[in-house]
C-alpha atoms as a PDB file:
ATOM      1  CA  UNK A   1      43.876 -50.997  21.682  1.00  0.00           C
ATOM      2  CA  UNK A   2      43.376 -53.591  19.365  1.00  0.00           C
ATOM      3  CA  UNK A   3      40.670 -55.148  20.940  1.00  0.00           C
ATOM      4  CA  UNK A   4      39.324 -51.484  20.518  1.00  0.00           C
ATOM      5  CA  UNK A   5      40.059 -51.130  17.378  1.00  0.00           C
ATOM      6  CA  UNK A   6      38.015 -53.973  15.899  1.00  0.00           C
ATOM      7  CA  UNK A   7      35.043 -52.624  17.771  1.00  0.00           C
ATOM      8  CA  UNK A   8      35.730 -49.512  16.344  1.00  0.00           C
ATOM      9  CA  UNK A   9      35.793 -50.942  12.749  1.00  0.00           C
ATOM     10  CA  UNK A  10      32.664 -53.509  13.385  1.00  0.00           C
ATOM     11  CA  UNK A  11      30.640 -49.694  14.786  1.00  0.00           C
ATOM     12  CA  UNK A  12      31.631 -48.617  11.385  1.00  0.00           C
ATOM     13  CA  UNK A  13      30.670 -50.708   8.970  1.00  0.00           C
ATOM     14  CA  UNK A  14      27.507 -51.554  11.149  1.00  0.00           C
ATOM     15  CA  UNK A  15      26.101 -47.607  10.574  1.00  0.00           C
ATOM     16  CA  UNK A  16      27.957 -48.418   6.942  1.00  0.00           C
ATOM     17  CA  UNK A  17      25.151 -51.207   6.247  1.00  0.00           C
ATOM     18  CA  UNK A  18      22.252 -49.888   7.292  1.00  0.00           C
ATOM     19  CA  UNK A  19      22.332 -46.389   7.236  1.00  0.00           C
ATOM     20  CA  UNK A  20      22.178 -45.545  11.484  1.00  0.00           C
ATOM     21  CA  UNK A  21      23.713 -43.167  13.018  1.00  0.00           C
ATOM     22  CA  UNK A  22      27.000 -43.123  14.445  1.00  0.00           C
ATOM     23  CA  UNK A  23      27.259 -44.619  18.209  1.00  0.00           C
ATOM     24  CA  UNK A  24      27.391 -42.160  21.334  1.00  0.00           C
ATOM     25  CA  UNK A  25      30.424 -43.508  22.115  1.00  0.00           C
ATOM     26  CA  UNK A  26      32.160 -43.413  18.929  1.00  0.00           C
ATOM     27  CA  UNK A  27      30.875 -39.576  17.838  1.00  0.00           C
ATOM     28  CA  UNK A  28      31.997 -38.312  21.757  1.00  0.00           C
ATOM     29  CA  UNK A  29      35.558 -39.884  21.142  1.00  0.00           C
ATOM     30  CA  UNK A  30      35.961 -38.433  17.731  1.00  0.00           C
ATOM     31  CA  UNK A  31      34.479 -34.662  18.796  1.00  0.00           C
ATOM     32  CA  UNK A  32      36.153 -35.308  22.076  1.00  0.00           C
ATOM     33  CA  UNK A  33      37.472 -32.195  22.522  1.00  0.00           C
ATOM     34  CA  UNK A  34      33.944 -30.532  22.656  1.00  0.00           C
ATOM     35  CA  UNK A  35      33.780 -29.988  26.829  1.00  0.00           C
ATOM     36  CA  UNK A  36      29.796 -28.221  26.165  1.00  0.00           C
ATOM     37  CA  UNK A  37      26.350 -29.669  26.253  1.00  0.00           C
ATOM     38  CA  UNK A  38      25.664 -32.816  23.673  1.00  0.00           C
ATOM     39  CA  UNK A  39      22.404 -33.664  22.127  1.00  0.00           C
ATOM     40  CA  UNK A  40      21.083 -36.800  23.529  1.00  0.00           C
ATOM     41  CA  UNK A  41      23.100 -38.758  20.674  1.00  0.00           C
ATOM     42  CA  UNK A  42      26.499 -37.036  21.212  1.00  0.00           C
ATOM     43  CA  UNK A  43      26.180 -34.156  19.103  1.00  0.00           C
ATOM     44  CA  UNK A  44      28.264 -31.466  20.019  1.00  0.00           C
ATOM     45  CA  UNK A  45      25.571 -28.724  20.909  1.00  0.00           C
ATOM     46  CA  UNK A  46      27.119 -25.653  20.168  1.00  0.00           C
ATOM     47  CA  UNK A  47      24.915 -22.673  22.098  1.00  0.00           C
ATOM     48  CA  UNK A  48      22.490 -20.357  19.925  1.00  0.00           C
ATOM     49  CA  UNK A  49      23.967 -17.655  21.052  1.00  0.00           C
ATOM     50  CA  UNK A  50      26.877 -18.154  19.371  1.00  0.00           C
ATOM     51  CA  UNK A  51      25.834 -19.387  16.271  1.00  0.00           C
ATOM     52  CA  UNK A  52      23.804 -15.933  16.312  1.00  0.00           C
ATOM     53  CA  UNK A  53      27.630 -14.494  16.624  1.00  0.00           C
ATOM     54  CA  UNK A  54      29.023 -16.274  14.116  1.00  0.00           C
ATOM     55  CA  UNK A  55      27.436 -15.049  11.497  1.00  0.00           C
ATOM     56  CA  UNK A  56      28.860 -11.829  11.748  1.00  0.00           C
ATOM     57  CA  UNK A  57      32.501 -13.904  11.112  1.00  0.00           C
ATOM     58  CA  UNK A  58      34.612 -13.784   7.949  1.00  0.00           C
ATOM     59  CA  UNK A  59      35.375 -16.839   5.995  1.00  0.00           C
ATOM     60  CA  UNK A  60      39.234 -15.597   6.033  1.00  0.00           C
ATOM     61  CA  UNK A  61      39.116 -15.386   9.831  1.00  0.00           C
ATOM     62  CA  UNK A  62      37.862 -18.508  10.127  1.00  0.00           C
ATOM     63  CA  UNK A  63      39.818 -19.664   7.612  1.00  0.00           C
ATOM     64  CA  UNK A  64      42.656 -18.334   9.575  1.00  0.00           C
ATOM     65  CA  UNK A  65      42.002 -19.724  13.018  1.00  0.00           C
ATOM     66  CA  UNK A  66      42.232 -23.010  11.579  1.00  0.00           C
ATOM     67  CA  UNK A  67      44.778 -23.189   9.328  1.00  0.00           C
ATOM     68  CA  UNK A  68      46.641 -21.739  12.964  1.00  0.00           C
ATOM     69  CA  UNK A  69      44.821 -25.004  14.388  1.00  0.00           C
ATOM     70  CA  UNK A  70      46.381 -27.459  12.206  1.00  0.00           C
ATOM     71  CA  UNK A  71      43.144 -28.021  10.123  1.00  0.00           C
ATOM     72  CA  UNK A  72      43.809 -27.547   6.680  1.00  0.00           C
ATOM     73  CA  UNK A  73      40.476 -29.096   5.336  1.00  0.00           C
ATOM     74  CA  UNK A  74      37.977 -27.075   5.585  1.00  0.00           C
ATOM     75  CA  UNK A  75      36.403 -25.430   3.128  1.00  0.00           C
ATOM     76  CA  UNK A  76      34.790 -26.289  -0.090  1.00  0.00           C
ATOM     77  CA  UNK A  77      33.480 -23.676  -2.526  1.00  0.00           C
ATOM     78  CA  UNK A  78      32.055 -23.560  -5.946  1.00  0.00           C
ATOM     79  CA  UNK A  79      28.415 -23.485  -4.702  1.00  0.00           C
ATOM     80  CA  UNK A  80      25.215 -22.418  -6.136  1.00  0.00           C
ATOM     81  CA  UNK A  81      22.650 -20.521  -3.997  1.00  0.00           C
ATOM     82  CA  UNK A  82      19.366 -18.862  -4.024  1.00  0.00           C
ATOM     83  CA  UNK A  83      20.190 -15.901  -2.481  1.00  0.00           C
ATOM     84  CA  UNK A  84      23.107 -13.627  -0.956  1.00  0.00           C
ATOM     85  CA  UNK A  85      22.178 -14.669   2.534  1.00  0.00           C
ATOM     86  CA  UNK A  86      24.390 -16.346   4.801  1.00  0.00           C
ATOM     87  CA  UNK A  87      23.372 -20.105   6.750  1.00  0.00           C
ATOM     88  CA  UNK A  88      25.218 -21.250  10.217  1.00  0.00           C
ATOM     89  CA  UNK A  89      24.287 -23.687  11.550  1.00  0.00           C
ATOM     90  CA  UNK A  90      25.449 -27.353  14.093  1.00  0.00           C
ATOM     91  CA  UNK A  91      25.722 -29.694  11.403  1.00  0.00           C
ATOM     92  CA  UNK A  92      23.561 -33.073  11.161  1.00  0.00           C
ATOM     93  CA  UNK A  93      25.196 -34.442   8.375  1.00  0.00           C
ATOM     94  CA  UNK A  94      23.919 -37.566   5.924  1.00  0.00           C
ATOM     95  CA  UNK A  95      25.646 -39.754   3.023  1.00  0.00           C
ATOM     96  CA  UNK A  96      23.929 -41.282  -0.013  1.00  0.00           C
ATOM     97  CA  UNK A  97      26.364 -43.249  -2.270  1.00  0.00           C
ATOM     98  CA  UNK A  98      24.369 -44.648  -6.116  1.00  0.00           C
ATOM     99  CA  UNK A  99      21.977 -46.768  -5.199  1.00  0.00           C
ATOM    100  CA  UNK A 100      22.759 -50.496  -5.159  1.00  0.00           C
ATOM    101  CA  UNK A 101      19.111 -53.132  -4.798  1.00  0.00           C
ATOM    102  CA  UNK A 102      20.902 -55.162  -2.146  1.00  0.00           C
ATOM    103  CA  UNK A 103      22.204 -52.462   0.289  1.00  0.00           C
ATOM    104  CA  UNK A 104      18.855 -50.380  -0.210  1.00  0.00           C
ATOM    105  CA  UNK A 105      16.184 -52.678   0.710  1.00  0.00           C
ATOM    106  CA  UNK A 106      18.174 -53.416   4.087  1.00  0.00           C
ATOM    107  CA  UNK A 107      18.671 -49.737   4.931  1.00  0.00           C
ATOM    108  CA  UNK A 108      15.031 -49.277   4.070  1.00  0.00           C
ATOM    109  CA  UNK A 109      14.022 -52.450   6.402  1.00  0.00           C
ATOM    110  CA  UNK A 110      16.541 -50.972   9.220  1.00  0.00           C
ATOM    111  CA  UNK A 111      14.420 -47.850   8.686  1.00  0.00           C
ATOM    112  CA  UNK A 112      10.875 -49.339   9.090  1.00  0.00           C
ATOM    113  CA  UNK A 113      12.376 -51.262  12.165  1.00  0.00           C
ATOM    114  CA  UNK A 114      13.184 -48.093  13.956  1.00  0.00           C
ATOM    115  CA  UNK A 115       9.974 -46.266  13.022  1.00  0.00           C
ATOM    116  CA  UNK A 116      11.207 -43.807  10.699  1.00  0.00           C
ATOM    117  CA  UNK A 117       8.654 -42.785   8.039  1.00  0.00           C
ATOM    118  CA  UNK A 118       8.295 -41.829   4.196  1.00  0.00           C
ATOM    119  CA  UNK A 119      11.833 -42.001   1.812  1.00  0.00           C
ATOM    120  CA  UNK A 120      15.353 -42.163   3.379  1.00  0.00           C
ATOM    121  CA  UNK A 121      15.874 -39.354   1.787  1.00  0.00           C
ATOM    122  CA  UNK A 122      13.066 -37.304   4.520  1.00  0.00           C
ATOM    123  CA  UNK A 123      14.814 -39.140   7.634  1.00  0.00           C
ATOM    124  CA  UNK A 124      17.449 -35.960   8.309  1.00  0.00           C
ATOM    125  CA  UNK A 125      14.849 -33.777   7.229  1.00  0.00           C
ATOM    126  CA  UNK A 126      12.791 -35.469  10.001  1.00  0.00           C
ATOM    127  CA  UNK A 127      15.934 -35.066  13.061  1.00  0.00           C
ATOM    128  CA  UNK A 128      16.779 -31.144  12.586  1.00  0.00           C
ATOM    129  CA  UNK A 129      16.350 -29.428  15.472  1.00  0.00           C
ATOM    130  CA  UNK A 130      16.834 -25.389  15.814  1.00  0.00           C
ATOM    131  CA  UNK A 131      20.369 -24.173  14.573  1.00  0.00           C
ATOM    132  CA  UNK A 132      21.276 -27.449  12.436  1.00  0.00           C
ATOM    133  CA  UNK A 133      21.793 -27.041   8.932  1.00  0.00           C
ATOM    134  CA  UNK A 134      21.220 -30.108   6.489  1.00  0.00           C
ATOM    135  CA  UNK A 135      24.789 -31.241   5.395  1.00  0.00           C
ATOM    136  CA  UNK A 136      24.680 -33.562   2.585  1.00  0.00           C
ATOM    137  CA  UNK A 137      27.455 -35.275   0.668  1.00  0.00           C
ATOM    138  CA  UNK A 138      25.286 -36.350  -2.387  1.00  0.00           C
ATOM    139  CA  UNK A 139      28.503 -37.068  -4.276  1.00  0.00           C
ATOM    140  CA  UNK A 140      28.124 -34.645  -6.657  1.00  0.00           C
ATOM    141  CA  UNK A 141      25.042 -35.341  -8.353  1.00  0.00           C
ATOM    142  CA  UNK A 142      23.527 -33.122 -10.599  1.00  0.00           C
ATOM    143  CA  UNK A 143      20.855 -35.258 -12.640  1.00  0.00           C
ATOM    144  CA  UNK A 144      18.723 -36.895 -10.735  1.00  0.00           C
ATOM    145  CA  UNK A 145      20.259 -36.227  -7.375  1.00  0.00           C
ATOM    146  CA  UNK A 146      18.134 -33.093  -6.220  1.00  0.00           C
ATOM    147  CA  UNK A 147      17.841 -34.023  -2.656  1.00  0.00           C
ATOM    148  CA  UNK A 148      14.815 -31.351  -2.321  1.00  0.00           C
ATOM    149  CA  UNK A 149      12.772 -29.722  -3.490  1.00  0.00           C
ATOM    150  CA  UNK A 150       9.935 -26.579  -2.205  1.00  0.00           C
ATOM    151  CA  UNK A 151       8.184 -29.122   0.348  1.00  0.00           C
ATOM    152  CA  UNK A 152      10.948 -30.208   1.563  1.00  0.00           C
ATOM    153  CA  UNK A 153      12.717 -26.963   1.799  1.00  0.00           C
ATOM    154  CA  UNK A 154       9.804 -25.601   3.733  1.00  0.00           C
ATOM    155  CA  UNK A 155      10.085 -28.504   6.196  1.00  0.00           C
ATOM    156  CA  UNK A 156      13.956 -27.926   6.960  1.00  0.00           C
ATOM    157  CA  UNK A 157      13.614 -24.438   7.751  1.00  0.00           C
ATOM    158  CA  UNK A 158      10.344 -25.396   9.839  1.00  0.00           C
ATOM    159  CA  UNK A 159      12.772 -27.430  11.716  1.00  0.00           C
ATOM    160  CA  UNK A 160      15.189 -25.439  11.912  1.00  0.00           C
ATOM    161  CA  UNK A 161      14.788 -22.178  10.466  1.00  0.00           C
ATOM    162  CA  UNK A 162      17.931 -22.673   8.917  1.00  0.00           C
ATOM    163  CA  UNK A 163      19.126 -23.666   5.253  1.00  0.00           C
ATOM    164  CA  UNK A 164      21.305 -26.532   4.262  1.00  0.00           C
ATOM    165  CA  UNK A 165      24.217 -27.389   1.899  1.00  0.00           C
ATOM    166  CA  UNK A 166      24.421 -30.500  -0.526  1.00  0.00           C
ATOM    167  CA  UNK A 167      27.365 -32.108  -2.210  1.00  0.00           C
ATOM    168  CA  UNK A 168      24.421 -32.296  -4.650  1.00  0.00           C
ATOM    169  CA  UNK A 169      21.643 -30.515  -6.988  1.00  0.00           C
ATOM    170  CA  UNK A 170      17.925 -30.373  -5.611  1.00  0.00           C
ATOM    171  CA  UNK A 171      14.650 -28.967  -7.903  1.00  0.00           C
ATOM    172  CA  UNK A 172      12.308 -26.051  -7.357  1.00  0.00           C
ATOM    173  CA  UNK A 173      14.435 -23.299  -7.542  1.00  0.00           C
ATOM    174  CA  UNK A 174      11.639 -20.831  -8.222  1.00  0.00           C
ATOM    175  CA  UNK A 175       9.734 -22.157  -5.022  1.00  0.00           C
ATOM    176  CA  UNK A 176      12.396 -22.518  -2.853  1.00  0.00           C
ATOM    177  CA  UNK A 177      13.210 -18.063  -2.893  1.00  0.00           C
ATOM    178  CA  UNK A 178       9.772 -18.268  -1.661  1.00  0.00           C
ATOM    179  CA  UNK A 179      10.796 -19.329   2.000  1.00  0.00           C
ATOM    180  CA  UNK A 180      11.851 -15.691   3.533  1.00  0.00           C
ATOM    181  CA  UNK A 181      14.976 -16.768   5.115  1.00  0.00           C
ATOM    182  CA  UNK A 182      16.063 -19.944   3.772  1.00  0.00           C
ATOM    183  CA  UNK A 183      19.368 -20.373   1.444  1.00  0.00           C
ATOM    184  CA  UNK A 184      20.678 -23.583  -0.197  1.00  0.00           C
ATOM    185  CA  UNK A 185      24.168 -23.879  -0.882  1.00  0.00           C
ATOM    186  CA  UNK A 186      24.177 -26.425  -3.916  1.00  0.00           C
ATOM    187  CA  UNK A 187      26.391 -28.015  -6.819  1.00  0.00           C
ATOM    188  CA  UNK A 188      23.505 -26.561  -9.149  1.00  0.00           C
ATOM    189  CA  UNK A 189      19.953 -26.707 -10.003  1.00  0.00           C
ATOM    190  CA  UNK A 190      18.548 -29.546 -12.199  1.00  0.00           C
ATOM    191  CA  UNK A 191      14.233 -30.278 -12.550  1.00  0.00           C
ATOM    192  CA  UNK A 192      14.574 -34.301 -12.521  1.00  0.00           C
ATOM    193  CA  UNK A 193      13.614 -36.122  -9.591  1.00  0.00           C
ATOM    194  CA  UNK A 194      15.318 -37.923  -6.946  1.00  0.00           C
ATOM    195  CA  UNK A 195      16.669 -41.105  -8.553  1.00  0.00           C
ATOM    196  CA  UNK A 196      19.427 -44.417  -7.996  1.00  0.00           C
ATOM    197  CA  UNK A 197      20.630 -42.664  -4.674  1.00  0.00           C
ATOM    198  CA  UNK A 198      20.289 -44.246  -1.356  1.00  0.00           C
ATOM    199  CA  UNK A 199      20.995 -43.129   1.879  1.00  0.00           C
ATOM    200  CA  UNK A 200      24.318 -45.110   2.911  1.00  0.00           C
ATOM    201  CA  UNK A 201      24.396 -42.863   6.644  1.00  0.00           C
ATOM    202  CA  UNK A 202      23.136 -40.645   9.583  1.00  0.00           C
ATOM    203  CA  UNK A 203      25.494 -37.815  11.672  1.00  0.00           C
ATOM    204  CA  UNK A 204      28.358 -39.811  10.377  1.00  0.00           C
ATOM    205  CA  UNK A 205      32.117 -38.410   9.370  1.00  0.00           C
ATOM    206  CA  UNK A 206      31.015 -36.831   5.540  1.00  0.00           C
ATOM    207  CA  UNK A 207      33.488 -34.821   2.614  1.00  0.00           C
ATOM    208  CA  UNK A 208      32.344 -32.430   1.025  1.00  0.00           C
ATOM    209  CA  UNK A 209      34.694 -31.754  -1.736  1.00  0.00           C
ATOM    210  CA  UNK A 210      37.734 -31.064   0.082  1.00  0.00           C
ATOM    211  CA  UNK A 211      36.521 -30.210   3.517  1.00  0.00           C
ATOM    212  CA  UNK A 212      36.082 -33.279   6.589  1.00  0.00           C
ATOM    213  CA  UNK A 213      32.398 -32.385   7.870  1.00  0.00           C
ATOM    214  CA  UNK A 214      31.866 -34.382  11.715  1.00  0.00           C
ATOM    215  CA  UNK A 215      28.752 -34.387  13.007  1.00  0.00           C
ATOM    216  CA  UNK A 216      27.666 -31.070  15.282  1.00  0.00           C
ATOM    217  CA  UNK A 217      30.558 -29.045  13.241  1.00  0.00           C
ATOM    218  CA  UNK A 218      29.437 -25.344  12.713  1.00  0.00           C
ATOM    219  CA  UNK A 219      29.206 -24.091   9.190  1.00  0.00           C
ATOM    220  CA  UNK A 220      29.465 -21.179   7.938  1.00  0.00           C
ATOM    221  CA  UNK A 221      28.161 -20.657   4.069  1.00  0.00           C
ATOM    222  CA  UNK A 222      28.488 -17.318   2.748  1.00  0.00           C
ATOM    223  CA  UNK A 223      29.360 -15.762  -1.072  1.00  0.00           C
ATOM    224  CA  UNK A 224      33.005 -16.903  -0.889  1.00  0.00           C
ATOM    225  CA  UNK A 225      32.050 -20.504   0.348  1.00  0.00           C
ATOM    226  CA  UNK A 226      31.253 -22.699   3.199  1.00  0.00           C
ATOM    227  CA  UNK A 227      33.185 -23.597   5.782  1.00  0.00           C
ATOM    228  CA  UNK A 228      32.977 -26.848   8.729  1.00  0.00           C
ATOM    229  CA  UNK A 229      34.317 -25.352  12.178  1.00  0.00           C
ATOM    230  CA  UNK A 230      34.556 -28.214  14.619  1.00  0.00           C
ATOM    231  CA  UNK A 231      32.554 -27.648  17.317  1.00  0.00           C
ATOM    232  CA  UNK A 232      35.386 -26.820  20.424  1.00  0.00           C
ATOM    233  CA  UNK A 233      36.827 -24.287  17.521  1.00  0.00           C
ATOM    234  CA  UNK A 234      33.727 -22.136  17.482  1.00  0.00           C
ATOM    235  CA  UNK A 235      34.212 -19.557  20.318  1.00  0.00           C
ATOM    236  CA  UNK A 236      37.880 -19.440  19.440  1.00  0.00           C
ATOM    237  CA  UNK A 237      36.541 -18.489  15.540  1.00  0.00           C
ATOM    238  CA  UNK A 238      33.941 -16.048  16.711  1.00  0.00           C
ATOM    239  CA  UNK A 239      35.792 -14.225  19.430  1.00  0.00           C
ATOM    240  CA  UNK A 240      38.601 -13.564  17.162  1.00  0.00           C
ATOM    241  CA  UNK A 241      37.399 -12.095  14.670  1.00  0.00           C
ATOM    242  CA  UNK A 242      35.256 -10.072  17.367  1.00  0.00           C
ATOM    243  CA  UNK A 243      38.753  -8.580  18.991  1.00  0.00           C
ATOM    244  CA  UNK A 244      39.756  -8.198  15.088  1.00  0.00           C
ATOM    245  CA  UNK A 245      36.403  -6.716  14.489  1.00  0.00           C
ATOM    246  CA  UNK A 246      36.539  -4.280  17.637  1.00  0.00           C
ATOM    247  CA  UNK A 247      40.539  -3.026  16.445  1.00  0.00           C
ATOM    248  CA  UNK A 248      39.054  -2.108  13.082  1.00  0.00           C
ATOM    249  CA  UNK A 249      36.514   0.054  14.499  1.00  0.00           C
ATOM    250  CA  UNK A 250      38.721   2.073  17.100  1.00  0.00           C
ATOM    251  CA  UNK A 251      41.301   2.408  14.763  1.00  0.00           C
ATOM    252  CA  UNK A 252      39.105   3.818  11.658  1.00  0.00           C
ATOM    253  CA  UNK A 253      37.383   5.819  13.641  1.00  0.00           C
ATOM    254  CA  UNK A 254      40.726   7.063  15.506  1.00  0.00           C
ATOM    255  CA  UNK A 255      41.853   8.131  11.662  1.00  0.00           C
ATOM    256  CA  UNK A 256      39.379   9.823  11.076  1.00  0.00           C
ATOM    257  CA  UNK A 257      39.458  11.915  14.183  1.00  0.00           C
ATOM    258  CA  UNK A 258      43.094  12.422  12.721  1.00  0.00           C
ATOM    259  CA  UNK A 259      45.019  11.466  16.349  1.00  0.00           C
ATOM    260  CA  UNK A 260      46.943   8.374  15.031  1.00  0.00           C
ATOM    261  CA  UNK A 261      48.523   8.324  11.629  1.00  0.00           C
ATOM    262  CA  UNK A 262      47.647   5.456   8.896  1.00  0.00           C
ATOM    263  CA  UNK A 263      51.531   3.939   9.524  1.00  0.00           C
ATOM    264  CA  UNK A 264      50.518   3.965  13.476  1.00  0.00           C
ATOM    265  CA  UNK A 265      47.516   1.958  12.917  1.00  0.00           C
ATOM    266  CA  UNK A 266      48.998  -0.475  10.029  1.00  0.00           C
ATOM    267  CA  UNK A 267      51.666  -1.235  12.704  1.00  0.00           C
ATOM    268  CA  UNK A 268      52.113  -2.547  15.937  1.00  0.00           C
ATOM    269  CA  UNK A 269      50.180  -0.874  18.500  1.00  0.00           C
ATOM    270  CA  UNK A 270      52.012   2.102  21.196  1.00  0.00           C
ATOM    271  CA  UNK A 271      51.253   0.708  24.573  1.00  0.00           C
ATOM    272  CA  UNK A 272      49.705   4.299  24.205  1.00  0.00           C
ATOM    273  CA  UNK A 273      47.165   2.917  21.582  1.00  0.00           C
ATOM    274  CA  UNK A 274      46.917  -0.448  23.440  1.00  0.00           C
ATOM    275  CA  UNK A 275      45.612   2.336  26.523  1.00  0.00           C
ATOM    276  CA  UNK A 276      43.652   4.223  24.364  1.00  0.00           C
ATOM    277  CA  UNK A 277      41.864   0.839  22.822  1.00  0.00           C
ATOM    278  CA  UNK A 278      41.123  -0.073  26.596  1.00  0.00           C
ATOM    279  CA  UNK A 279      39.475   3.064  27.355  1.00  0.00           C
ATOM    280  CA  UNK A 280      37.601   2.986  23.720  1.00  0.00           C
ATOM    281  CA  UNK A 281      35.909  -0.189  24.437  1.00  0.00           C
ATOM    282  CA  UNK A 282      34.973   0.607  28.312  1.00  0.00           C
ATOM    283  CA  UNK A 283      33.004   4.310  26.711  1.00  0.00           C
ATOM    284  CA  UNK A 284      31.588   2.249  24.096  1.00  0.00           C
ATOM    285  CA  UNK A 285      31.389  -0.808  25.778  1.00  0.00           C
ATOM    286  CA  UNK A 286      26.768  -0.483  25.420  1.00  0.00           C
ATOM    287  CA  UNK A 287      27.136   0.443  21.832  1.00  0.00           C
ATOM    288  CA  UNK A 288      29.082  -1.861  20.027  1.00  0.00           C
ATOM    289  CA  UNK A 289      27.999  -4.978  17.391  1.00  0.00           C
ATOM    290  CA  UNK A 290      29.670  -7.365  20.110  1.00  0.00           C
ATOM    291  CA  UNK A 291      27.419  -8.345  23.223  1.00  0.00           C
ATOM    292  CA  UNK A 292      29.056  -5.840  26.662  1.00  0.00           C
ATOM    293  CA  UNK A 293      29.641  -9.203  29.240  1.00  0.00           C
ATOM    294  CA  UNK A 294      31.798 -10.227  26.120  1.00  0.00           C
ATOM    295  CA  UNK A 295      34.033  -6.912  25.539  1.00  0.00           C
ATOM    296  CA  UNK A 296      34.435  -7.309  29.579  1.00  0.00           C
ATOM    297  CA  UNK A 297      36.019 -10.487  29.345  1.00  0.00           C
ATOM    298  CA  UNK A 298      38.330  -8.832  26.500  1.00  0.00           C
ATOM    299  CA  UNK A 299      39.248  -6.168  28.957  1.00  0.00           C
ATOM    300  CA  UNK A 300      40.013  -8.399  31.694  1.00  0.00           C
ATOM    301  CA  UNK A 301      42.626 -10.026  29.955  1.00  0.00           C
ATOM    302  CA  UNK A 302      44.165  -6.620  29.029  1.00  0.00           C
ATOM    303  CA  UNK A 303      47.344  -5.535  30.852  1.00  0.00           C
ATOM    304  CA  UNK A 304      47.047  -1.807  29.424  1.00  0.00           C
END
């Protein structure tokens, strides 16, 4: 165990110094509860189909599931955005720190040895794939902390089809607002350029305010704020939300019909109502805002 801890400590120190990604072994260990597909570097690859379903989940629903599983540090509020579009995808993380010349020179040299091109704040963007969300801890810097402008924003959206979440600022709000489908959750907007900031880690665990983010976490960013969902809990969050949504739709429809009273719907359902709900699901299985095969899975687990 001691040997393992020493090895782990040395490996973490290495990526902190050279802005390297975590080793695949450590990233897999940190996300060991994820049992699905992974990227080559070990980052959990939550399917696009699940990410699409996640967009309909509310922040409160996701928060409730995570709290129930013991995850109390996954939400952060207080953002400024371009528009009201939600941002949802897999976290690709970057860690920035105040510039220190000796370290930043080594970061640049290591980047050259690794074949990276351009300034270091473009390196995470080059790594993005479809469905990724660029999540960066820029230590809350606003003035001279603008991680992207409209040029990099266009590159981000071209690579990922998603937006960004920055514990820092961005510039070129007007230009970014012209990217159809793009949104950014940032601490503020500022016309300055990025200076006195260095990249310290790529695809490493980061802190976003009071929230902890691991590479591959599912990012769900809406008007209330941003919640970071561990990959292994993503499906549970989605399914729980879908069941709640279906039950609400059923309850509202039956209340409008006058079949049940508000007291019956707002309290624990009787076996009769549960059986009625199952029949309603079967009758409307192809007309509901949840995939039919997922509704079938719900029905197979029910005893009514």
